[in-house]
C-alpha atoms as a PDB file:
ATOM      1  CA  UNK A   1      -0.344  -0.163  -0.146  1.00  0.00           C
ATOM      2  CA  UNK A   2       1.364   3.369  -0.598  1.00  0.00           C
ATOM      3  CA  UNK A   3       2.994   6.074   2.245  1.00  0.00           C
ATOM      4  CA  UNK A   4       0.011   8.704   1.776  1.00  0.00           C
ATOM      5  CA  UNK A   5      -2.732   5.909   2.046  1.00  0.00           C
ATOM      6  CA  UNK A   6      -1.581   3.844   4.804  1.00  0.00           C
ATOM      7  CA  UNK A   7      -1.398   7.452   6.420  1.00  0.00           C
ATOM      8  CA  UNK A   8      -4.807   8.790   5.769  1.00  0.00           C
ATOM      9  CA  UNK A   9      -6.234   5.291   7.367  1.00  0.00           C
ATOM     10  CA  UNK A  10      -4.379   5.629  10.673  1.00  0.00           C
ATOM     11  CA  UNK A  11      -5.533  10.051  11.032  1.00  0.00           C
ATOM     12  CA  UNK A  12      -9.189   8.639  10.643  1.00  0.00           C
ATOM     13  CA  UNK A  13      -8.844   5.134  12.552  1.00  0.00           C
ATOM     14  CA  UNK A  14      -7.680   7.734  15.650  1.00  0.00           C
ATOM     15  CA  UNK A  15     -10.755  10.257  14.558  1.00  0.00           C
ATOM     16  CA  UNK A  16     -12.862   7.028  14.646  1.00  0.00           C
ATOM     17  CA  UNK A  17     -11.928   6.411  18.038  1.00  0.00           C
ATOM     18  CA  UNK A  18     -11.458   9.434  19.392  1.00  0.00           C
ATOM     19  CA  UNK A  19     -14.803  10.303  18.021  1.00  0.00           C
ATOM     20  CA  UNK A  20     -16.381   6.973  19.219  1.00  0.00           C
ATOM     21  CA  UNK A  21     -15.066   7.294  22.779  1.00  0.00           C
ATOM     22  CA  UNK A  22     -16.752  11.139  22.905  1.00  0.00           C
ATOM     23  CA  UNK A  23     -20.198   9.635  21.340  1.00  0.00           C
ATOM     24  CA  UNK A  24     -20.152   7.474  24.758  1.00  0.00           C
ATOM     25  CA  UNK A  25     -18.442   8.515  27.248  1.00  0.00           C
ATOM     26  CA  UNK A  26     -19.056  11.026  29.112  1.00  0.00           C
ATOM     27  CA  UNK A  27     -16.118  11.006  31.272  1.00  0.00           C
ATOM     28  CA  UNK A  28     -13.686  10.964  27.599  1.00  0.00           C
ATOM     29  CA  UNK A  29     -15.883  14.032  26.311  1.00  0.00           C
ATOM     30  CA  UNK A  30     -15.426  16.348  29.072  1.00  0.00           C
ATOM     31  CA  UNK A  31     -12.271  15.517  28.856  1.00  0.00           C
ATOM     32  CA  UNK A  32     -11.087  15.666  25.486  1.00  0.00           C
ATOM     33  CA  UNK A  33     -12.993  18.622  25.365  1.00  0.00           C
ATOM     34  CA  UNK A  34     -11.132  20.198  28.241  1.00  0.00           C
ATOM     35  CA  UNK A  35      -8.450  19.572  26.946  1.00  0.00           C
ATOM     36  CA  UNK A  36      -9.135  20.778  23.454  1.00  0.00           C
ATOM     37  CA  UNK A  37     -10.097  24.459  24.085  1.00  0.00           C
ATOM     38  CA  UNK A  38      -7.604  24.507  26.734  1.00  0.00           C
ATOM     39  CA  UNK A  39      -4.475  23.826  24.323  1.00  0.00           C
ATOM     40  CA  UNK A  40      -6.084  26.398  22.185  1.00  0.00           C
ATOM     41  CA  UNK A  41      -6.520  28.848  24.568  1.00  0.00           C
ATOM     42  CA  UNK A  42      -2.791  28.584  25.199  1.00  0.00           C
ATOM     43  CA  UNK A  43      -2.104  29.163  22.087  1.00  0.00           C
ATOM     44  CA  UNK A  44      -3.973  32.036  22.012  1.00  0.00           C
ATOM     45  CA  UNK A  45      -2.625  33.946  25.261  1.00  0.00           C
ATOM     46  CA  UNK A  46       1.399  32.814  23.408  1.00  0.00           C
ATOM     47  CA  UNK A  47       0.436  34.222  19.868  1.00  0.00           C
ATOM     48  CA  UNK A  48      -0.436  37.383  21.850  1.00  0.00           C
ATOM     49  CA  UNK A  49       2.098  37.301  23.889  1.00  0.00           C
ATOM     50  CA  UNK A  50       5.028  36.794  21.898  1.00  0.00           C
ATOM     51  CA  UNK A  51       3.835  39.817  19.607  1.00  0.00           C
ATOM     52  CA  UNK A  52       3.475  41.961  22.064  1.00  0.00           C
ATOM     53  CA  UNK A  53       7.127  40.650  22.925  1.00  0.00           C
ATOM     54  CA  UNK A  54       8.224  41.549  19.570  1.00  0.00           C
ATOM     55  CA  UNK A  55       6.612  44.641  19.304  1.00  0.00           C
ATOM     56  CA  UNK A  56       7.549  45.910  22.585  1.00  0.00           C
ATOM     57  CA  UNK A  57      11.654  45.314  21.049  1.00  0.00           C
ATOM     58  CA  UNK A  58      10.765  47.551  18.189  1.00  0.00           C
END
């Protein structure tokens, strides 16, 4: 099998496992949602912090 096809199948299987665990298990839903939004919030904070630092140096 082509490497790209096996990579796509792997991504699909990981997505399917995450989706099914969020569908059937409430603790998994809470944990994955919290993880996703906390990583997004920290990323946005760090982006604006580094932009602030870059503007401050100039």
